[in-house]
Amino acid sequence: MHRPPTPEAEVTLAEELSVVRPGLSASYAAALPGARAAVLTRLWRALAYEPMPWVARREAGRDGLTLRLTDGRRLHGPRADPYATTAYVTEVRLDGTWHDRPDRLLTALAVPHAASFAAELGNSVASLALSRAGQPAADQEPVAGWEWEQRVVDGHPYHPNCRSRPGFSAAEQLAYGPEHRPLVELGLVASDDCLVTGEWPKWLRDGERVLIPVHPWQTAHVLGGPGQEKTGAAGGLGEGSFGEGGFGTGGLGGGGFSKGGLDGGGLRQEGFVAHPLMSLRTLALPDGPHVKTALSARLTSSVRDISVYSIETAATVSAFMEAMAERPDVPLHITRTLGAATANSPDLAAVLRESPDMYANSGERVVPVAALATTGLPQSPAWMAEFTRLALTAGLRLLDLGVALEAHGQNLLVVLSPTGTPLRLVYRDLADIRISPARLARHGIPVPDLAGRIVTDDVTTLRRKLFGALVGGTLGATAGSTAALREALETVVPDLPDSPDLAALRNEPLPTKALTLMRLSPETPGDTWAQLPNPLLNSSL
């Protein structure tokens, strides 16, 4: 389905760039050292804290951190701050050899599955350098939400695959990557046999047939479309990029959509353009709603399709969470799911939901948490404490009621006053929350008619879901260091209502997904977890 990235992804992308956008070649080359350090810093954090089976022990010393491997080798680097977001690791030493490239370090480690992960890291470095190279000079503050999203250049703050886009050529990255600020033309596929939940709009219907928005990368690489590439001055695809003809059946497993050409009702030329958001597969329509498309590529850790299960449960989960967000003790809005549809395949599905912008009053801004660093606001300890109070108040209250949010920097947004004060939160993309029937019942809240992975009463699972995303991810990355996170937590936590969940937050190590170990353990299904040092355990609280 995809073109595998080569170990020398930097060279491959440079060669492609010299053809499709030669004007960026020099800035791309200049960005490579910084991109290597950014990815290496994320990798070093993982090696320092994730439970790698081939690390026998870790020894902290005055000159840094040494990992003693089970085969007798030693890997040495600087002390690792688990919440740092600056690129402070420029090289590490494996026995007597220094490494400044994360892909070559993994190759030298030669642990199980290192070769495939090294290729992903090389791809991440190359794509990150391209993302940084294409940035315009400082401009005015964004107005629309999609403009804020396109300011997030470096991707995931802690995952070494922060910008890994295997299967994307240089032209496709420029055409579809939100940090390159393109307009993306989505196609429409007509389905005769489609599962729909919620209200699917009339403008996405053709009589009785459902029209499913499709990302052009999915068209070219998964659904069997022709995939012509045309790059314009802004990096987007030009008209006619969908080509002629219809889809094959590859990748759909008998999904039930029309397989003919345009005259047979398959791919329809009259698609629409939209602004890509930081998840790449979700796009903002010019008039407001967001559309989440299936994009069967491995970005960071996961293949980004849309499961049939998430379509089946979308309307029920949305209605339930809308009611939860109406409670006066929950300072949080939910972007409602307007409609969801699938042609019985995770490769051909879409979800329409409200834009977070609709929850801003006059003069207010809705900013994704991942973009807060571009505002400079988190540099103020007072502001950081206000934001921490707001986030923990909403997250812990919902957890006590029976809902664990996956409130990472992409799903969580904050409504800012005209002066930058954090006022309210907005949460989007409900596919990966967890709901506890026992906790809901304890508070007299009707339990929604749901089953499957979204439902659990396991306390560890619920706390990992919230704390791993909100504290270890959102608050840690926004603070940018252990010291800044500790200061914010010390200011806020004493004032929060006591609960068993708050006690766990105060007294236990913080959970985080072991993202690198998961990529090095493809045979292990599900999430693997690590424990990060809890700043509060070394404080006066």
Protein backbone atom coordinates (compact mmCIF):
# COMPACT_ATOMS: atom_id res chain seq x y z
CA MET A 1 0.00 0.00 0.00
CA HIS A 2 2.82 2.45 0.87
CA ARG A 3 6.27 3.11 -0.49
CA PRO A 4 8.60 2.14 2.38
CA PRO A 5 10.92 4.95 3.50
CA THR A 6 14.59 4.36 2.81
CA PRO A 7 17.26 4.52 5.52
CA GLU A 8 18.55 7.67 3.82
CA ALA A 9 15.23 9.47 3.83
CA GLU A 10 16.99 12.85 4.06
CA VAL A 11 18.65 12.29 0.69
CA THR A 12 15.53 10.88 -0.93
CA LEU A 13 13.42 13.84 0.11
CA ALA A 14 16.13 16.29 -0.97
CA GLU A 15 16.20 14.76 -4.44
CA GLU A 16 12.41 14.97 -4.76
CA LEU A 17 12.40 18.54 -3.45
CA SER A 18 14.96 19.61 -6.04
CA VAL A 19 12.39 18.70 -8.70
CA VAL A 20 9.06 19.82 -7.21
CA ARG A 21 10.17 22.87 -5.17
CA PRO A 22 13.85 23.68 -5.78
CA GLY A 23 13.48 27.02 -4.03
CA LEU A 24 13.20 25.20 -0.69
CA SER A 25 16.30 23.02 -1.12
CA ALA A 26 18.72 25.34 0.67
CA SER A 27 16.45 26.01 3.65
CA TYR A 28 15.68 22.29 3.87
CA ALA A 29 19.39 21.46 4.09
CA ALA A 30 19.88 24.17 6.70
CA ALA A 31 17.02 22.74 8.80
CA LEU A 32 18.37 19.18 8.92
CA PRO A 33 20.73 19.52 11.94
CA GLY A 34 17.97 21.03 14.07
CA ALA A 35 15.50 18.37 12.96
CA ARG A 36 17.97 15.61 13.88
CA ALA A 37 18.40 17.11 17.35
CA ALA A 38 14.64 17.44 17.82
CA VAL A 39 14.01 13.78 16.97
CA LEU A 40 17.08 12.59 18.90
CA THR A 41 15.86 14.50 21.99
CA ARG A 42 12.51 12.71 21.80
CA LEU A 43 14.23 9.37 21.31
CA TRP A 44 16.58 9.94 24.26
CA ARG A 45 13.59 10.70 26.49
CA ALA A 46 12.06 7.38 25.47
CA LEU A 47 15.28 5.45 26.09
CA ALA A 48 15.62 7.11 29.49
CA TYR A 49 12.11 6.37 30.77
CA GLU A 50 10.37 3.63 28.79
CA PRO A 51 10.70 0.01 30.02
CA MET A 52 12.99 -1.22 27.23
CA PRO A 53 13.69 -4.94 27.81
CA TRP A 54 17.28 -4.55 26.58
CA VAL A 55 18.17 -1.81 29.09
CA ALA A 56 19.56 -3.50 32.23
CA ARG A 57 19.78 -0.37 34.36
CA ARG A 58 20.10 3.41 34.24
CA GLU A 59 22.78 5.34 36.11
CA ALA A 60 22.57 9.08 36.69
CA GLY A 61 25.86 10.89 37.20
CA ARG A 62 27.27 14.38 37.24
CA ASP A 63 28.02 14.22 33.54
CA GLY A 64 24.62 12.89 32.48
CA LEU A 65 22.80 9.58 32.17
CA THR A 66 24.26 6.18 31.26
CA LEU A 67 22.16 3.25 30.09
CA ARG A 68 23.78 -0.14 30.63
CA LEU A 69 22.44 -2.54 28.02
CA THR A 70 21.87 -6.23 28.59
CA ASP A 71 24.61 -7.09 26.08
CA GLY A 72 27.20 -5.12 28.08
CA ARG A 73 27.32 -1.97 25.97
CA ARG A 74 26.88 1.50 27.43
CA LEU A 75 24.81 4.32 25.98
CA HIS A 76 25.55 7.76 27.42
CA GLY A 77 23.85 11.12 27.02
CA PRO A 78 22.69 14.18 28.98
CA ARG A 79 20.25 14.05 31.88
CA ALA A 80 16.78 13.56 30.43
CA ASP A 81 14.01 15.96 31.45
CA PRO A 82 10.78 14.02 30.80
CA TYR A 83 8.77 17.20 30.18
CA ALA A 84 11.27 19.23 28.14
CA THR A 85 10.14 20.38 24.71
CA THR A 86 13.36 22.03 23.53
CA ALA A 87 15.88 20.06 21.47
CA TYR A 88 18.78 19.77 23.91
CA VAL A 89 20.27 16.42 22.78
CA THR A 90 22.63 16.87 19.84
CA GLU A 91 24.55 13.59 20.21
CA VAL A 92 24.83 10.49 22.41
CA ARG A 93 27.67 7.98 22.76
CA LEU A 94 27.24 4.23 22.26
CA ASP A 95 30.39 2.77 23.78
CA GLY A 96 33.09 4.79 21.99
CA THR A 97 31.03 6.04 19.03
CA TRP A 98 29.12 9.33 18.96
CA HIS A 99 25.77 9.48 17.15
CA ASP A 100 23.94 12.65 16.11
CA ARG A 101 21.38 10.95 13.87
CA PRO A 102 18.56 9.02 15.54
CA ASP A 103 18.10 6.59 12.67
CA ARG A 104 21.76 5.57 12.70
CA LEU A 105 21.71 5.25 16.50
CA LEU A 106 18.82 2.76 16.27
CA THR A 107 20.62 0.87 13.54
CA ALA A 108 23.74 0.64 15.73
CA LEU A 109 21.71 -0.53 18.73
CA ALA A 110 20.48 -3.44 16.60
CA VAL A 111 17.66 -4.33 19.00
CA PRO A 112 14.59 -6.23 17.72
CA HIS A 113 12.69 -4.26 15.05
CA ALA A 114 15.33 -1.52 15.09
CA ALA A 115 15.73 -1.48 11.30
CA SER A 116 12.09 -0.65 10.55
CA PHE A 117 11.89 1.93 13.33
CA ALA A 118 15.18 3.50 12.19
CA ALA A 119 13.62 4.02 8.77
CA GLU A 120 10.66 5.75 10.42
CA LEU A 121 13.01 8.01 12.38
CA GLY A 122 14.87 8.97 9.23
CA ASN A 123 11.55 9.82 7.64
CA SER A 124 10.60 11.89 10.70
CA VAL A 125 13.83 13.93 10.52
CA ALA A 126 13.44 14.59 6.81
CA SER A 127 9.78 15.58 7.06
CA LEU A 128 10.43 17.79 10.09
CA ALA A 129 13.21 19.60 8.22
CA LEU A 130 10.86 20.15 5.29
CA SER A 131 8.14 21.43 7.63
CA ARG A 132 10.53 23.95 9.16
CA ALA A 133 12.02 24.95 5.82
CA GLY A 134 8.69 25.98 4.37
CA GLN A 135 7.66 28.37 7.14
CA PRO A 136 6.87 31.95 6.17
CA ALA A 137 8.15 34.96 8.04
CA ALA A 138 6.28 35.98 11.19
CA ASP A 139 2.82 37.20 10.27
CA GLN A 140 -0.23 38.52 12.06
CA GLU A 141 -1.90 36.54 14.82
CA PRO A 142 -4.28 33.93 13.42
CA VAL A 143 -8.01 34.61 13.37
CA ALA A 144 -9.64 31.35 12.31
CA GLY A 145 -9.01 28.13 14.21
CA TRP A 146 -7.43 26.41 11.22
CA GLU A 147 -4.82 29.17 11.08
CA TRP A 148 -3.80 28.38 14.67
CA GLU A 149 -3.55 24.69 13.80
CA GLN A 150 -1.24 25.37 10.89
CA ARG A 151 1.20 27.07 13.25
CA VAL A 152 2.04 23.72 14.85
CA VAL A 153 5.13 22.87 12.81
CA ASP A 154 7.01 20.21 14.82
CA GLY A 155 4.17 17.77 15.48
CA HIS A 156 3.98 15.56 18.57
CA PRO A 157 6.06 17.10 21.39
CA TYR A 158 7.40 13.77 22.73
CA HIS A 159 7.14 11.13 19.98
CA PRO A 160 10.32 10.53 17.91
CA ASN A 161 7.98 9.99 14.96
CA CYS A 162 6.73 13.54 15.43
CA ARG A 163 6.71 14.18 11.69
CA SER A 164 7.01 10.70 10.20
CA ARG A 165 4.99 10.51 7.00
CA PRO A 166 5.97 7.31 5.24
CA GLY A 167 4.35 6.94 1.86
CA PHE A 168 4.18 10.71 1.32
CA SER A 169 6.38 12.16 -1.40
CA ALA A 170 7.82 15.66 -1.04
CA ALA A 171 5.09 16.96 -3.35
CA GLU A 172 2.39 15.30 -1.25
CA GLN A 173 3.77 16.68 1.99
CA LEU A 174 3.74 20.18 0.53
CA ALA A 175 0.25 19.63 -0.85
CA TYR A 176 -1.38 18.14 2.26
CA GLY A 177 0.69 19.06 5.34
CA PRO A 178 -1.12 21.75 7.37
CA GLU A 179 2.14 23.48 8.31
CA HIS A 180 2.63 24.21 4.59
CA ARG A 181 -0.74 26.05 4.54
CA PRO A 182 -2.29 24.47 1.42
CA LEU A 183 -5.89 24.16 0.37
CA VAL A 184 -6.76 20.50 -0.16
CA GLU A 185 -9.35 19.36 -2.66
CA LEU A 186 -11.36 16.44 -1.29
CA GLY A 187 -13.10 13.99 -3.58
CA LEU A 188 -16.52 12.43 -3.07
CA VAL A 189 -17.30 8.73 -3.36
CA ALA A 190 -20.91 7.64 -3.78
CA SER A 191 -21.93 4.60 -1.73
CA ASP A 192 -25.03 2.47 -2.31
CA ASP A 193 -24.49 0.46 0.88
CA CYS A 194 -23.48 2.79 3.67
CA LEU A 195 -23.80 2.87 7.46
CA VAL A 196 -24.80 6.37 8.60
CA THR A 197 -25.28 7.68 12.13
CA GLY A 198 -26.43 11.15 13.07
CA GLU A 199 -27.64 13.57 10.42
CA TRP A 200 -25.78 13.28 7.12
CA PRO A 201 -26.31 16.58 5.26
CA LYS A 202 -28.16 16.90 1.98
CA TRP A 203 -25.15 18.45 0.27
CA LEU A 204 -23.36 15.12 0.79
CA ARG A 205 -26.12 13.01 -0.75
CA ASP A 206 -27.00 12.12 -4.31
CA GLY A 207 -30.59 11.01 -4.04
CA GLU A 208 -30.51 7.89 -1.84
CA ARG A 209 -26.76 7.53 -2.15
CA VAL A 210 -24.33 8.82 0.44
CA LEU A 211 -21.36 10.89 -0.73
CA ILE A 212 -18.30 10.23 1.44
CA PRO A 213 -15.52 12.86 1.43
CA VAL A 214 -12.17 11.28 0.56
CA HIS A 215 -8.68 12.66 1.05
CA PRO A 216 -6.70 12.79 -2.21
CA TRP A 217 -3.81 10.81 -0.68
CA GLN A 218 -6.29 8.04 0.12
CA THR A 219 -7.59 8.25 -3.42
CA ALA A 220 -4.15 7.79 -4.92
CA HIS A 221 -2.63 5.21 -2.58
CA VAL A 222 -5.43 3.13 -1.04
CA LEU A 223 -8.63 3.30 -3.08
CA GLY A 224 -6.99 2.66 -6.42
CA GLY A 225 -7.34 6.11 -7.98
CA PRO A 226 -4.85 7.48 -10.54
CA GLY A 227 -3.26 9.98 -8.14
CA GLN A 228 -1.77 12.55 -10.53
CA GLU A 229 0.35 15.10 -8.69
CA LYS A 230 0.25 18.75 -9.66
CA THR A 231 1.92 21.33 -7.47
CA GLY A 232 1.03 24.99 -7.63
CA ALA A 233 2.70 28.01 -6.14
CA ALA A 234 1.07 27.41 -2.76
CA GLY A 235 1.88 23.73 -2.72
CA GLY A 236 -1.67 22.48 -3.22
CA LEU A 237 -2.91 20.16 -5.91
CA GLY A 238 -4.26 21.77 -9.00
CA GLU A 239 -7.60 21.13 -10.65
CA GLY A 240 -7.96 17.77 -12.26
CA SER A 241 -5.66 16.08 -9.77
CA PHE A 242 -8.18 13.32 -9.26
CA GLY A 243 -7.79 12.27 -12.88
CA GLU A 244 -10.25 10.24 -14.91
CA GLY A 245 -11.84 6.91 -14.23
CA GLY A 246 -13.05 5.17 -11.10
CA PHE A 247 -11.82 3.20 -8.14
CA GLY A 248 -10.66 -0.35 -7.94
CA THR A 249 -11.65 -2.56 -5.04
CA GLY A 250 -8.22 -2.72 -3.40
CA GLY A 251 -8.16 -2.04 0.31
CA LEU A 252 -11.95 -2.02 0.76
CA GLY A 253 -12.77 -5.66 1.25
CA GLY A 254 -16.10 -5.42 -0.54
CA GLY A 255 -17.09 -2.13 1.07
CA GLY A 256 -20.15 -1.60 -1.11
CA PHE A 257 -19.34 1.66 -2.91
CA SER A 258 -19.80 2.09 -6.62
CA LYS A 259 -16.79 0.82 -8.53
CA GLY A 260 -17.38 2.43 -11.90
CA GLY A 261 -15.89 5.55 -13.38
CA LEU A 262 -17.44 8.99 -13.15
CA ASP A 263 -20.35 7.93 -15.33
CA GLY A 264 -20.81 4.84 -13.15
CA GLY A 265 -21.10 6.85 -9.95
CA GLY A 266 -17.78 6.15 -8.25
CA LEU A 267 -15.44 9.11 -7.84
CA ARG A 268 -17.23 12.39 -8.42
CA GLN A 269 -15.23 15.30 -9.81
CA GLU A 270 -17.24 17.97 -7.97
CA GLY A 271 -15.45 17.75 -4.65
CA PHE A 272 -14.66 20.72 -2.40
CA VAL A 273 -11.63 22.41 -0.89
CA ALA A 274 -10.78 22.64 2.81
CA HIS A 275 -7.96 23.69 5.14
CA PRO A 276 -5.97 20.77 6.63
CA LEU A 277 -5.72 20.74 10.43
CA MET A 278 -2.85 19.46 12.53
CA SER A 279 -4.07 15.85 12.38
CA LEU A 280 -3.65 16.13 8.57
CA ARG A 281 -6.67 13.93 7.85
CA THR A 282 -9.15 16.36 9.45
CA LEU A 283 -9.92 19.51 7.48
CA ALA A 284 -11.90 22.70 8.08
CA LEU A 285 -14.45 23.68 5.49
CA PRO A 286 -14.44 27.40 4.63
CA ASP A 287 -17.91 27.81 6.13
CA GLY A 288 -17.07 26.17 9.44
CA PRO A 289 -17.70 22.42 9.91
CA HIS A 290 -14.78 20.00 10.13
CA VAL A 291 -14.55 16.76 8.18
CA LYS A 292 -12.46 13.84 9.43
CA THR A 293 -11.43 11.59 6.58
CA ALA A 294 -9.97 8.10 6.50
CA LEU A 295 -6.26 8.33 5.76
CA SER A 296 -4.74 4.86 5.92
CA ALA A 297 -1.17 5.99 6.52
CA ARG A 298 0.98 5.45 9.60
CA LEU A 299 1.48 8.89 11.14
CA THR A 300 3.43 8.86 14.44
CA SER A 301 2.23 5.48 15.79
CA SER A 302 -1.10 4.51 14.26
CA VAL A 303 -2.68 3.89 10.90
CA ARG A 304 -5.20 6.70 10.55
CA ASP A 305 -8.29 5.01 9.23
CA ILE A 306 -11.77 5.31 10.81
CA SER A 307 -13.09 2.12 12.40
CA VAL A 308 -16.61 0.93 11.71
CA TYR A 309 -17.05 0.76 15.51
CA SER A 310 -16.39 4.50 15.88
CA ILE A 311 -18.99 5.23 13.19
CA GLU A 312 -21.54 2.96 14.89
CA THR A 313 -21.09 4.68 18.25
CA ALA A 314 -20.52 8.26 17.05
CA ALA A 315 -24.04 9.65 17.49
CA THR A 316 -24.62 8.00 20.87
CA VAL A 317 -21.28 9.14 22.28
CA SER A 318 -21.79 12.68 20.96
CA ALA A 319 -25.26 13.03 22.50
CA PHE A 320 -24.05 11.64 25.83
CA MET A 321 -21.02 13.97 25.99
CA GLU A 322 -23.11 16.97 24.96
CA ALA A 323 -25.28 16.35 28.03
CA MET A 324 -22.22 15.91 30.25
CA ALA A 325 -20.71 19.19 29.03
CA GLU A 326 -23.92 21.07 29.90
CA ARG A 327 -23.30 20.49 33.61
CA PRO A 328 -22.45 23.77 35.37
CA ASP A 329 -19.49 22.19 37.19
CA VAL A 330 -17.73 21.16 33.95
CA PRO A 331 -16.03 24.17 32.23
CA LEU A 332 -15.89 22.38 28.90
CA HIS A 333 -17.59 22.45 25.51
CA ILE A 334 -17.87 19.42 23.24
CA THR A 335 -17.77 19.74 19.46
CA ARG A 336 -20.83 17.75 18.49
CA THR A 337 -20.59 15.00 15.90
CA LEU A 338 -23.02 16.07 13.17
CA GLY A 339 -22.91 12.87 11.16
CA ALA A 340 -20.74 9.85 10.47
CA ALA A 341 -20.69 7.46 7.53
CA THR A 342 -18.79 4.40 6.37
CA ALA A 343 -19.01 2.14 3.34
CA ASN A 344 -18.44 -0.74 5.81
CA SER A 345 -14.70 -0.18 5.66
CA PRO A 346 -12.21 1.76 7.79
CA ASP A 347 -10.58 2.88 4.53
CA LEU A 348 -13.72 4.64 3.27
CA ALA A 349 -15.43 6.61 6.02
CA ALA A 350 -15.85 10.18 7.24
CA VAL A 351 -17.07 12.11 10.27
CA LEU A 352 -18.53 15.62 10.25
CA ARG A 353 -18.36 17.66 13.44
CA GLU A 354 -18.78 21.20 14.66
CA SER A 355 -15.94 23.66 14.44
CA PRO A 356 -14.49 24.63 17.83
CA ASP A 357 -14.63 28.27 16.66
CA MET A 358 -18.36 28.38 17.31
CA TYR A 359 -17.68 28.35 21.07
CA ALA A 360 -15.87 31.70 21.02
CA ASN A 361 -17.72 34.91 21.83
CA SER A 362 -16.83 38.24 20.29
CA GLY A 363 -13.15 39.02 20.78
CA GLU A 364 -12.33 35.54 22.08
CA ARG A 365 -10.02 33.03 20.39
CA VAL A 366 -10.15 29.23 20.37
CA VAL A 367 -6.58 27.91 20.32
CA PRO A 368 -5.49 24.25 20.19
CA VAL A 369 -3.32 23.50 23.21
CA ALA A 370 -0.52 22.33 20.90
CA ALA A 371 -0.37 25.87 19.47
CA LEU A 372 -0.15 27.67 22.83
CA ALA A 373 3.65 27.72 22.70
CA THR A 374 3.45 29.99 19.65
CA THR A 375 1.61 32.61 21.72
CA GLY A 376 4.26 32.97 24.43
CA LEU A 377 1.54 32.80 27.10
CA PRO A 378 2.86 29.66 28.88
CA GLN A 379 6.09 31.50 29.69
CA SER A 380 4.14 33.34 32.40
CA PRO A 381 3.95 31.20 35.58
CA ALA A 382 0.69 32.93 36.53
CA TRP A 383 -0.89 32.14 33.16
CA MET A 384 0.37 28.56 33.28
CA ALA A 385 -1.21 28.12 36.71
CA GLU A 386 -4.55 29.48 35.45
CA PHE A 387 -4.53 27.11 32.51
CA THR A 388 -3.52 24.17 34.71
CA ARG A 389 -6.36 24.94 37.12
CA LEU A 390 -8.89 25.04 34.29
CA ALA A 391 -7.64 21.82 32.70
CA LEU A 392 -7.44 19.81 35.93
CA THR A 393 -10.81 21.08 37.15
CA ALA A 394 -12.56 19.91 34.00
CA GLY A 395 -10.60 16.67 33.57
CA LEU A 396 -10.83 15.50 37.20
CA ARG A 397 -14.51 16.39 37.52
CA LEU A 398 -15.41 14.41 34.42
CA LEU A 399 -13.25 11.51 35.58
CA ASP A 400 -15.06 11.45 38.91
CA LEU A 401 -18.40 11.49 37.09
CA GLY A 402 -17.33 8.62 34.83
CA VAL A 403 -15.64 10.01 31.70
CA ALA A 404 -11.90 9.87 30.99
CA LEU A 405 -10.88 12.26 28.23
CA GLU A 406 -7.85 11.74 26.03
CA ALA A 407 -7.06 15.42 26.43
CA HIS A 408 -3.81 15.77 24.49
CA GLY A 409 -2.70 18.90 22.69
CA GLN A 410 -4.59 18.07 19.51
CA ASN A 411 -7.97 17.12 21.02
CA LEU A 412 -8.03 19.86 23.66
CA LEU A 413 -8.49 23.54 22.85
CA VAL A 414 -8.75 26.58 25.11
CA VAL A 415 -10.94 29.65 24.74
CA LEU A 416 -8.87 32.76 25.43
CA SER A 417 -10.15 36.20 26.34
CA PRO A 418 -9.01 39.21 24.28
CA THR A 419 -6.17 39.63 26.82
CA GLY A 420 -5.19 35.93 26.72
CA THR A 421 -6.85 34.71 29.92
CA PRO A 422 -7.90 31.03 29.67
CA LEU A 423 -11.69 31.00 30.07
CA ARG A 424 -13.10 27.63 28.97
CA LEU A 425 -12.02 24.44 27.26
CA VAL A 426 -13.23 22.78 24.08
CA TYR A 427 -12.80 19.05 23.44
CA ARG A 428 -13.14 17.35 20.08
CA ASP A 429 -12.85 13.86 18.60
CA LEU A 430 -14.68 11.57 21.03
CA ALA A 431 -13.55 8.28 19.48
CA ASP A 432 -10.99 7.45 22.19
CA ILE A 433 -12.60 8.57 25.44
CA ARG A 434 -13.47 5.98 28.11
CA ILE A 435 -16.80 5.77 29.93
CA SER A 436 -17.30 4.08 33.33
CA PRO A 437 -20.85 2.78 33.92
CA ALA A 438 -20.12 2.24 37.63
CA ARG A 439 -19.03 5.84 38.18
CA LEU A 440 -21.95 7.20 36.17
CA ALA A 441 -24.39 5.11 38.22
CA ARG A 442 -22.83 6.32 41.46
CA HIS A 443 -23.75 9.88 40.45
CA GLY A 444 -27.19 8.93 39.17
CA ILE A 445 -26.27 9.62 35.54
CA PRO A 446 -28.00 7.41 32.93
CA VAL A 447 -25.54 5.03 31.31
CA PRO A 448 -25.48 5.36 27.50
CA ASP A 449 -26.30 2.33 25.38
CA LEU A 450 -22.71 1.50 24.47
CA ALA A 451 -20.43 -1.53 24.47
CA GLY A 452 -16.92 -2.32 23.30
CA ARG A 453 -13.58 -0.67 23.99
CA ILE A 454 -15.00 2.71 24.99
CA VAL A 455 -16.66 1.21 28.10
CA THR A 456 -14.60 0.25 31.17
CA ASP A 457 -14.69 0.46 34.97
CA ASP A 458 -11.00 -0.34 35.35
CA VAL A 459 -9.53 2.43 37.49
CA THR A 460 -6.02 2.08 36.07
CA THR A 461 -7.31 2.34 32.50
CA LEU A 462 -9.40 5.42 33.30
CA ARG A 463 -6.58 7.24 35.08
CA ARG A 464 -4.04 6.37 32.41
CA LYS A 465 -6.35 7.74 29.75
CA LEU A 466 -6.71 11.12 31.45
CA PHE A 467 -3.37 11.56 33.24
CA GLY A 468 -1.28 10.21 30.37
CA ALA A 469 -2.77 12.69 27.92
CA LEU A 470 -3.61 15.68 30.11
CA VAL A 471 -0.78 15.80 32.66
CA GLY A 472 2.08 13.87 31.07
CA GLY A 473 1.20 15.27 27.66
CA THR A 474 -0.79 18.51 27.54
CA LEU A 475 0.35 20.21 30.76
CA GLY A 476 3.90 18.89 30.52
CA ALA A 477 4.36 20.00 26.94
CA THR A 478 2.72 23.38 27.55
CA ALA A 479 4.93 24.02 30.58
CA GLY A 480 7.96 22.78 28.66
CA SER A 481 10.05 21.52 31.60
CA THR A 482 9.80 19.64 34.88
CA ALA A 483 10.45 22.81 36.86
CA ALA A 484 7.68 24.79 35.15
CA LEU A 485 5.21 21.89 35.45
CA ARG A 486 6.04 21.47 39.15
CA GLU A 487 5.43 25.17 39.80
CA ALA A 488 2.03 25.08 38.11
CA LEU A 489 0.93 21.91 39.90
CA GLU A 490 2.11 23.16 43.29
CA THR A 491 0.07 26.32 42.79
CA VAL A 492 -3.13 24.56 41.74
CA VAL A 493 -3.39 21.10 43.31
CA PRO A 494 -3.89 22.21 46.95
CA ASP A 495 -7.09 24.04 45.95
CA LEU A 496 -8.70 21.16 44.03
CA PRO A 497 -11.46 19.05 45.65
CA ASP A 498 -10.10 15.92 47.31
CA SER A 499 -10.82 12.64 45.56
CA PRO A 500 -9.13 9.27 45.09
CA ASP A 501 -8.16 10.37 41.58
CA LEU A 502 -6.50 13.53 42.88
CA ALA A 503 -4.66 11.46 45.51
CA ALA A 504 -3.31 9.24 42.71
CA LEU A 505 -2.23 12.32 40.78
CA ARG A 506 -0.37 13.64 43.81
CA ASN A 507 1.24 10.45 45.06
CA GLU A 508 1.94 8.12 42.13
CA PRO A 509 4.27 8.25 39.11
CA LEU A 510 2.62 9.76 36.06
CA PRO A 511 1.61 7.31 33.32
CA THR A 512 2.53 7.91 29.72
CA LYS A 513 2.28 5.79 26.61
CA ALA A 514 5.59 4.10 25.84
CA LEU A 515 5.42 5.33 22.26
CA THR A 516 8.89 4.21 21.19
CA LEU A 517 8.63 0.80 22.85
CA MET A 518 5.32 0.31 21.07
CA ARG A 519 6.98 0.95 17.70
CA LEU A 520 9.74 -1.51 18.66
CA SER A 521 7.15 -4.13 19.72
CA PRO A 522 4.80 -4.44 16.74
CA GLU A 523 3.84 -7.94 17.81
CA THR A 524 2.31 -6.63 21.07
CA PRO A 525 -1.27 -5.35 20.56
CA GLY A 526 -2.70 -2.34 22.35
CA ASP A 527 -0.98 0.33 24.38
CA THR A 528 2.19 -0.13 26.42
CA TRP A 529 2.81 2.21 29.33
CA ALA A 530 5.74 3.85 31.06
CA GLN A 531 5.97 5.83 34.29
CA LEU A 532 7.38 9.34 34.43
CA PRO A 533 8.71 11.06 37.54
CA ASN A 534 5.88 12.96 39.24
CA PRO A 535 7.02 16.55 39.95
CA LEU A 536 4.78 16.66 43.01
CA LEU A 537 6.61 13.76 44.68
CA ASN A 538 9.69 15.97 45.04
CA SER A 539 7.80 19.04 46.21
CA SER A 540 6.53 20.33 49.53
CA LEU A 541 2.95 19.16 48.90
